């Protein structure tokens, strides 16, 4: 999912540039896209922290931990 956000941001940028939009609009699109991406990654970090906490506390086993970690990693640029 994280890679889709990057593609969306690039498409917005290229579309704005080809349409002759002002630099302010392009800058706003970049900042908006970066904000959305940052919020998404923050949510992934919170999920990963909760997952680690559950594993260390013994609420989930190693198999469940690895499965959920992989799911979070697929939707993240950072993890």
PDB file of N, CA and C in Angstrom:
ATOM      1  N   UNK A   1       0.812  -1.186   0.000  1.00  0.00           N
ATOM      2  CA  UNK A   1       0.000   0.000   0.000  1.00  0.00           C
ATOM      3  C   UNK A   1       0.857   1.250   0.000  1.00  0.00           C
ATOM      4  N   UNK A   2       2.002   1.242   0.678  1.00  0.00           N
ATOM      5  CA  UNK A   2       2.876   2.393   0.738  1.00  0.00           C
ATOM      6  C   UNK A   2       3.396   2.786  -0.634  1.00  0.00           C
ATOM      7  N   UNK A   3       3.674   1.800  -1.458  1.00  0.00           N
ATOM      8  CA  UNK A   3       4.169   2.079  -2.808  1.00  0.00           C
ATOM      9  C   UNK A   3       3.085   2.727  -3.655  1.00  0.00           C
ATOM     10  N   UNK A   4       1.842   2.393  -3.379  1.00  0.00           N
ATOM     11  CA  UNK A   4       0.733   2.997  -4.114  1.00  0.00           C
ATOM     12  C   UNK A   4       0.624   4.480  -3.785  1.00  0.00           C
ATOM     13  N   UNK A   5       0.926   4.848  -2.552  1.00  0.00           N
ATOM     14  CA  UNK A   5       0.885   6.256  -2.166  1.00  0.00           C
ATOM     15  C   UNK A   5       1.934   7.036  -2.934  1.00  0.00           C
ATOM     16  N   UNK A   6       3.131   6.469  -3.069  1.00  0.00           N
ATOM     17  CA  UNK A   6       4.198   7.140  -3.811  1.00  0.00           C
ATOM     18  C   UNK A   6       3.796   7.315  -5.272  1.00  0.00           C
ATOM     19  N   UNK A   7       3.215   6.301  -5.867  1.00  0.00           N
ATOM     20  CA  UNK A   7       2.777   6.390  -7.256  1.00  0.00           C
ATOM     21  C   UNK A   7       1.700   7.462  -7.401  1.00  0.00           C
ATOM     22  N   UNK A   8       0.787   7.524  -6.440  1.00  0.00           N
ATOM     23  CA  UNK A   8      -0.261   8.538  -6.469  1.00  0.00           C
ATOM     24  C   UNK A   8       0.329   9.942  -6.378  1.00  0.00           C
ATOM     25  N   UNK A   9       1.289  10.122  -5.497  1.00  0.00           N
ATOM     26  CA  UNK A   9       1.937  11.434  -5.356  1.00  0.00           C
ATOM     27  C   UNK A   9       2.634  11.826  -6.647  1.00  0.00           C
ATOM     28  N   UNK A  10       3.364  10.895  -7.244  1.00  0.00           N
ATOM     29  CA  UNK A  10       4.046  11.192  -8.509  1.00  0.00           C
ATOM     30  C   UNK A  10       3.052  11.526  -9.615  1.00  0.00           C
ATOM     31  N   UNK A  11       1.943  10.818  -9.660  1.00  0.00           N
ATOM     32  CA  UNK A  11       0.924  11.096 -10.674  1.00  0.00           C
ATOM     33  C   UNK A  11       0.339  12.487 -10.473  1.00  0.00           C
ATOM     34  N   UNK A  12       0.091  12.856  -9.221  1.00  0.00           N
ATOM     35  CA  UNK A  12      -0.425  14.197  -8.937  1.00  0.00           C
ATOM     36  C   UNK A  12       0.570  15.266  -9.354  1.00  0.00           C
ATOM     37  N   UNK A  13       1.822  15.032  -9.059  1.00  0.00           N
ATOM     38  CA  UNK A  13       2.855  15.998  -9.427  1.00  0.00           C
ATOM     39  C   UNK A  13       2.959  16.165 -10.937  1.00  0.00           C
ATOM     40  N   UNK A  14       3.044  15.066 -11.628  1.00  0.00           N
ATOM     41  CA  UNK A  14       3.183  15.128 -13.077  1.00  0.00           C
ATOM     42  C   UNK A  14       1.944  15.732 -13.724  1.00  0.00           C
ATOM     43  N   UNK A  15       0.790  15.371 -13.219  1.00  0.00           N
ATOM     44  CA  UNK A  15      -0.449  15.935 -13.748  1.00  0.00           C
ATOM     45  C   UNK A  15      -0.518  17.428 -13.522  1.00  0.00           C
ATOM     46  N   UNK A  16      -0.106  17.874 -12.359  1.00  0.00           N
ATOM     47  CA  UNK A  16      -0.121  19.298 -12.051  1.00  0.00           C
ATOM     48  C   UNK A  16       0.860  20.064 -12.926  1.00  0.00           C
ATOM     49  N   UNK A  17       2.021  19.485 -13.137  1.00  0.00           N
ATOM     50  CA  UNK A  17       3.033  20.167 -13.948  1.00  0.00           C
ATOM     51  C   UNK A  17       2.603  20.272 -15.411  1.00  0.00           C
ATOM     52  N   UNK A  18       1.991  19.238 -15.922  1.00  0.00           N
ATOM     53  CA  UNK A  18       1.582  19.270 -17.320  1.00  0.00           C
ATOM     54  C   UNK A  18       0.373  20.165 -17.541  1.00  0.00           C
ATOM     55  N   UNK A  19      -0.407  20.374 -16.493  1.00  0.00           N
ATOM     56  CA  UNK A  19      -1.587  21.233 -16.610  1.00  0.00           C
ATOM     57  C   UNK A  19      -1.229  22.708 -16.448  1.00  0.00           C
ATOM     58  N   UNK A  20       0.023  22.991 -16.112  1.00  0.00           N
ATOM     59  CA  UNK A  20       0.449  24.371 -15.969  1.00  0.00           C
ATOM     60  C   UNK A  20       0.015  25.007 -14.668  1.00  0.00           C
ATOM     61  N   UNK A  21      -0.134  24.234 -13.624  1.00  0.00           N
ATOM     62  CA  UNK A  21      -0.547  24.775 -12.336  1.00  0.00           C
ATOM     63  C   UNK A  21       0.604  25.553 -11.699  1.00  0.00           C
ATOM     64  N   UNK A  22       0.247  26.428 -10.788  1.00  0.00           N
ATOM     65  CA  UNK A  22       1.260  27.234 -10.124  1.00  0.00           C
ATOM     66  C   UNK A  22       2.115  26.373  -9.211  1.00  0.00           C
ATOM     67  N   UNK A  23       3.264  26.894  -8.850  1.00  0.00           N
ATOM     68  CA  UNK A  23       4.166  26.163  -7.957  1.00  0.00           C
ATOM     69  C   UNK A  23       3.554  25.996  -6.576  1.00  0.00           C
ATOM     70  N   UNK A  24       2.725  26.941  -6.163  1.00  0.00           N
ATOM     71  CA  UNK A  24       2.085  26.826  -4.852  1.00  0.00           C
ATOM     72  C   UNK A  24       1.181  25.599  -4.791  1.00  0.00           C
ATOM     73  N   UNK A  25       0.453  25.371  -5.863  1.00  0.00           N
ATOM     74  CA  UNK A  25      -0.440  24.213  -5.898  1.00  0.00           C
ATOM     75  C   UNK A  25       0.359  22.917  -5.893  1.00  0.00           C
ATOM     76  N   UNK A  26       1.432  22.887  -6.660  1.00  0.00           N
ATOM     77  CA  UNK A  26       2.278  21.691  -6.708  1.00  0.00           C
ATOM     78  C   UNK A  26       2.894  21.450  -5.334  1.00  0.00           C
ATOM     79  N   UNK A  27       3.386  22.521  -4.706  1.00  0.00           N
ATOM     80  CA  UNK A  27       3.957  22.386  -3.372  1.00  0.00           C
ATOM     81  C   UNK A  27       2.933  21.887  -2.374  1.00  0.00           C
ATOM     82  N   UNK A  28       1.704  22.381  -2.480  1.00  0.00           N
ATOM     83  CA  UNK A  28       0.635  21.929  -1.594  1.00  0.00           C
ATOM     84  C   UNK A  28       0.315  20.467  -1.800  1.00  0.00           C
ATOM     85  N   UNK A  29       0.342  20.030  -3.041  1.00  0.00           N
ATOM     86  CA  UNK A  29       0.083  18.615  -3.337  1.00  0.00           C
ATOM     87  C   UNK A  29       1.178  17.732  -2.751  1.00  0.00           C
ATOM     88  N   UNK A  30       2.409  18.207  -2.865  1.00  0.00           N
ATOM     89  CA  UNK A  30       3.532  17.435  -2.314  1.00  0.00           C
ATOM     90  C   UNK A  30       3.414  17.352  -0.795  1.00  0.00           C
ATOM     91  N   UNK A  31       3.158  18.491  -0.155  1.00  0.00           N
ATOM     92  CA  UNK A  31       3.025  18.490   1.298  1.00  0.00           C
ATOM     93  C   UNK A  31       1.830  17.652   1.755  1.00  0.00           C
ATOM     94  N   UNK A  32       0.734  17.753   1.035  1.00  0.00           N
ATOM     95  CA  UNK A  32      -0.434  16.953   1.376  1.00  0.00           C
ATOM     96  C   UNK A  32      -0.159  15.468   1.243  1.00  0.00           C
ATOM     97  N   UNK A  33       0.495  15.099   0.151  1.00  0.00           N
ATOM     98  CA  UNK A  33       0.847  13.690  -0.061  1.00  0.00           C
ATOM     99  C   UNK A  33       1.819  13.190   0.991  1.00  0.00           C
ATOM    100  N   UNK A  34       2.783  14.034   1.344  1.00  0.00           N
ATOM    101  CA  UNK A  34       3.751  13.654   2.374  1.00  0.00           C
ATOM    102  C   UNK A  34       3.047  13.485   3.721  1.00  0.00           C
ATOM    103  N   UNK A  35       2.095  14.357   4.000  1.00  0.00           N
ATOM    104  CA  UNK A  35       1.347  14.251   5.256  1.00  0.00           C
ATOM    105  C   UNK A  35       0.550  12.970   5.338  1.00  0.00           C
ATOM    106  N   UNK A  36      -0.091  12.608   4.246  1.00  0.00           N
ATOM    107  CA  UNK A  36      -0.863  11.362   4.206  1.00  0.00           C
ATOM    108  C   UNK A  36       0.068  10.168   4.393  1.00  0.00           C
ATOM    109  N   UNK A  37       1.200  10.198   3.695  1.00  0.00           N
ATOM    110  CA  UNK A  37       2.166   9.105   3.820  1.00  0.00           C
ATOM    111  C   UNK A  37       2.716   8.987   5.226  1.00  0.00           C
ATOM    112  N   UNK A  38       3.012  10.136   5.852  1.00  0.00           N
ATOM    113  CA  UNK A  38       3.537  10.131   7.214  1.00  0.00           C
ATOM    114  C   UNK A  38       2.496   9.586   8.188  1.00  0.00           C
ATOM    115  N   UNK A  39       1.256   9.975   8.024  1.00  0.00           N
ATOM    116  CA  UNK A  39       0.191   9.480   8.905  1.00  0.00           C
ATOM    117  C   UNK A  39       0.030   7.969   8.749  1.00  0.00           C
ATOM    118  N   UNK A  40       0.122   7.495   7.519  1.00  0.00           N
ATOM    119  CA  UNK A  40      -0.015   6.066   7.252  1.00  0.00           C
ATOM    120  C   UNK A  40       1.132   5.298   7.902  1.00  0.00           C
ATOM    121  N   UNK A  41       2.361   5.814   7.778  1.00  0.00           N
ATOM    122  CA  UNK A  41       3.519   5.147   8.371  1.00  0.00           C
ATOM    123  C   UNK A  41       3.465   5.205   9.896  1.00  0.00           C
ATOM    124  N   UNK A  42       2.942   6.295  10.447  1.00  0.00           N
ATOM    125  CA  UNK A  42       2.791   6.396  11.891  1.00  0.00           C
ATOM    126  C   UNK A  42       1.842   5.302  12.391  1.00  0.00           C
ATOM    127  N   UNK A  43       0.773   5.082  11.665  1.00  0.00           N
ATOM    128  CA  UNK A  43      -0.172   4.023  12.027  1.00  0.00           C
ATOM    129  C   UNK A  43       0.503   2.651  11.963  1.00  0.00           C
ATOM    130  N   UNK A  44       1.334   2.433  10.948  1.00  0.00           N
ATOM    131  CA  UNK A  44       2.064   1.168  10.843  1.00  0.00           C
ATOM    132  C   UNK A  44       3.004   0.988  12.027  1.00  0.00           C
ATOM    133  N   UNK A  45       3.665   2.069  12.442  1.00  0.00           N
ATOM    134  CA  UNK A  45       4.570   1.993  13.585  1.00  0.00           C
ATOM    135  C   UNK A  45       3.799   1.637  14.848  1.00  0.00           C
ATOM    136  N   UNK A  46       2.646   2.253  15.041  1.00  0.00           N
ATOM    137  CA  UNK A  46       1.829   1.939  16.222  1.00  0.00           C
ATOM    138  C   UNK A  46       1.413   0.470  16.219  1.00  0.00           C
ATOM    139  N   UNK A  47       1.025  -0.038  15.055  1.00  0.00           N
ATOM    140  CA  UNK A  47       0.638  -1.450  14.952  1.00  0.00           C
ATOM    141  C   UNK A  47       1.825  -2.358  15.266  1.00  0.00           C
ATOM    142  N   UNK A  48       3.005  -1.982  14.751  1.00  0.00           N
ATOM    143  CA  UNK A  48       4.201  -2.795  14.980  1.00  0.00           C
ATOM    144  C   UNK A  48       4.575  -2.767  16.465  1.00  0.00           C
ATOM    145  N   UNK A  49       4.464  -1.603  17.099  1.00  0.00           N
ATOM    146  CA  UNK A  49       4.763  -1.507  18.531  1.00  0.00           C
ATOM    147  C   UNK A  49       3.811  -2.373  19.349  1.00  0.00           C
ATOM    148  N   UNK A  50       2.516  -2.322  19.024  1.00  0.00           N
ATOM    149  CA  UNK A  50       1.529  -3.152  19.720  1.00  0.00           C
ATOM    150  C   UNK A  50       1.811  -4.644  19.518  1.00  0.00           C
ATOM    151  N   UNK A  51       2.197  -4.975  18.302  1.00  0.00           N
ATOM    152  CA  UNK A  51       2.509  -6.367  17.978  1.00  0.00           C
ATOM    153  C   UNK A  51       3.692  -6.856  18.811  1.00  0.00           C
ATOM    154  N   UNK A  52       4.747  -6.047  18.883  1.00  0.00           N
ATOM    155  CA  UNK A  52       5.926  -6.412  19.671  1.00  0.00           C
ATOM    156  C   UNK A  52       5.544  -6.577  21.145  1.00  0.00           C
ATOM    157  N   UNK A  53       4.719  -5.666  21.640  1.00  0.00           N
ATOM    158  CA  UNK A  53       4.275  -5.724  23.032  1.00  0.00           C
ATOM    159  C   UNK A  53       3.486  -7.004  23.299  1.00  0.00           C
ATOM    160  N   UNK A  54       2.578  -7.358  22.397  1.00  0.00           N
ATOM    161  CA  UNK A  54       1.786  -8.581  22.548  1.00  0.00           C
ATOM    162  C   UNK A  54       2.678  -9.818  22.553  1.00  0.00           C
ATOM    163  N   UNK A  55       3.682  -9.826  21.693  1.00  0.00           N
ATOM    164  CA  UNK A  55       4.584 -10.970  21.600  1.00  0.00           C
ATOM    165  C   UNK A  55       5.421 -11.105  22.871  1.00  0.00           C
ATOM    166  N   UNK A  56       5.973  -9.995  23.334  1.00  0.00           N
ATOM    167  CA  UNK A  56       6.800 -10.028  24.550  1.00  0.00           C
ATOM    168  C   UNK A  56       5.984 -10.410  25.777  1.00  0.00           C
ATOM    169  N   UNK A  57       4.719 -10.009  25.809  1.00  0.00           N
ATOM    170  CA  UNK A  57       3.846 -10.328  26.947  1.00  0.00           C
ATOM    171  C   UNK A  57       3.298 -11.753  26.863  1.00  0.00           C
ATOM    172  N   UNK A  58       3.520 -12.433  25.750  1.00  0.00           N
ATOM    173  CA  UNK A  58       3.057 -13.806  25.605  1.00  0.00           C
ATOM    174  C   UNK A  58       1.602 -13.928  25.184  1.00  0.00           C
ATOM    175  N   UNK A  59       1.000 -12.840  24.723  1.00  0.00           N
ATOM    176  CA  UNK A  59      -0.402 -12.893  24.293  1.00  0.00           C
ATOM    177  C   UNK A  59      -0.562 -13.539  22.925  1.00  0.00           C
ATOM    178  N   UNK A  60       0.519 -13.554  22.137  1.00  0.00           N
ATOM    179  CA  UNK A  60       0.500 -14.242  20.835  1.00  0.00           C
ATOM    180  C   UNK A  60       1.757 -15.089  20.713  1.00  0.00           C
ATOM    181  N   UNK A  61       1.673 -16.143  19.912  1.00  0.00           N
ATOM    182  CA  UNK A  61       2.853 -16.992  19.715  1.00  0.00           C
ATOM    183  C   UNK A  61       3.700 -16.472  18.554  1.00  0.00           C
ATOM    184  N   UNK A  62       4.841 -17.105  18.361  1.00  0.00           N
ATOM    185  CA  UNK A  62       5.802 -16.653  17.345  1.00  0.00           C
ATOM    186  C   UNK A  62       5.198 -16.707  15.935  1.00  0.00           C
ATOM    187  N   UNK A  63       4.436 -17.747  15.663  1.00  0.00           N
ATOM    188  CA  UNK A  63       3.828 -17.905  14.339  1.00  0.00           C
ATOM    189  C   UNK A  63       2.875 -16.735  14.030  1.00  0.00           C
ATOM    190  N   UNK A  64       2.030 -16.397  14.993  1.00  0.00           N
ATOM    191  CA  UNK A  64       1.104 -15.286  14.823  1.00  0.00           C
ATOM    192  C   UNK A  64       1.864 -13.964  14.696  1.00  0.00           C
ATOM    193  N   UNK A  65       2.914 -13.819  15.499  1.00  0.00           N
ATOM    194  CA  UNK A  65       3.747 -12.620  15.448  1.00  0.00           C
ATOM    195  C   UNK A  65       4.337 -12.418  14.051  1.00  0.00           C
ATOM    196  N   UNK A  66       4.930 -13.468  13.507  1.00  0.00           N
ATOM    197  CA  UNK A  66       5.564 -13.372  12.186  1.00  0.00           C
ATOM    198  C   UNK A  66       4.537 -13.101  11.090  1.00  0.00           C
ATOM    199  N   UNK A  67       3.381 -13.737  11.201  1.00  0.00           N
ATOM    200  CA  UNK A  67       2.318 -13.544  10.203  1.00  0.00           C
ATOM    201  C   UNK A  67       1.840 -12.093  10.204  1.00  0.00           C
ATOM    202  N   UNK A  68       1.556 -11.553  11.381  1.00  0.00           N
ATOM    203  CA  UNK A  68       1.071 -10.176  11.469  1.00  0.00           C
ATOM    204  C   UNK A  68       2.161  -9.180  11.101  1.00  0.00           C
ATOM    205  N   UNK A  69       3.409  -9.475  11.450  1.00  0.00           N
ATOM    206  CA  UNK A  69       4.525  -8.594  11.096  1.00  0.00           C
ATOM    207  C   UNK A  69       4.668  -8.508   9.575  1.00  0.00           C
ATOM    208  N   UNK A  70       4.505  -9.622   8.902  1.00  0.00           N
ATOM    209  CA  UNK A  70       4.584  -9.635   7.437  1.00  0.00           C
ATOM    210  C   UNK A  70       3.461  -8.797   6.822  1.00  0.00           C
ATOM    211  N   UNK A  71       2.265  -8.892   7.395  1.00  0.00           N
ATOM    212  CA  UNK A  71       1.142  -8.105   6.886  1.00  0.00           C
ATOM    213  C   UNK A  71       1.413  -6.607   7.030  1.00  0.00           C
ATOM    214  N   UNK A  72       1.951  -6.205   8.157  1.00  0.00           N
ATOM    215  CA  UNK A  72       2.275  -4.786   8.372  1.00  0.00           C
ATOM    216  C   UNK A  72       3.380  -4.354   7.413  1.00  0.00           C
ATOM    217  N   UNK A  73       4.369  -5.204   7.226  1.00  0.00           N
ATOM    218  CA  UNK A  73       5.503  -4.885   6.353  1.00  0.00           C
ATOM    219  C   UNK A  73       5.079  -4.705   4.902  1.00  0.00           C
ATOM    220  N   UNK A  74       4.106  -5.477   4.458  1.00  0.00           N
ATOM    221  CA  UNK A  74       3.641  -5.353   3.071  1.00  0.00           C
ATOM    222  C   UNK A  74       3.028  -3.996   2.782  1.00  0.00           C
ATOM    223  N   UNK A  75       2.435  -3.380   3.797  1.00  0.00           N
ATOM    224  CA  UNK A  75       1.784  -2.092   3.593  1.00  0.00           C
ATOM    225  C   UNK A  75       2.629  -0.902   4.005  1.00  0.00           C
ATOM    226  N   UNK A  76       3.926  -1.123   4.204  1.00  0.00           N
ATOM    227  CA  UNK A  76       4.772  -0.059   4.711  1.00  0.00           C
ATOM    228  C   UNK A  76       6.016   0.138   3.853  1.00  0.00           C
ATOM    229  N   UNK A  77       6.462   1.372   3.781  1.00  0.00           N
ATOM    230  CA  UNK A  77       7.719   1.676   3.099  1.00  0.00           C
ATOM    231  C   UNK A  77       8.874   1.440   4.062  1.00  0.00           C
ATOM    232  N   UNK A  78       8.673   1.729   5.333  1.00  0.00           N
ATOM    233  CA  UNK A  78       9.733   1.680   6.329  1.00  0.00           C
ATOM    234  C   UNK A  78      10.008   0.273   6.830  1.00  0.00           C
ATOM    235  N   UNK A  79       8.968  -0.492   7.140  1.00  0.00           N
ATOM    236  CA  UNK A  79       9.169  -1.803   7.751  1.00  0.00           C
ATOM    237  C   UNK A  79       9.372  -2.858   6.720  1.00  0.00           C
TER     238      UNK A  79
END
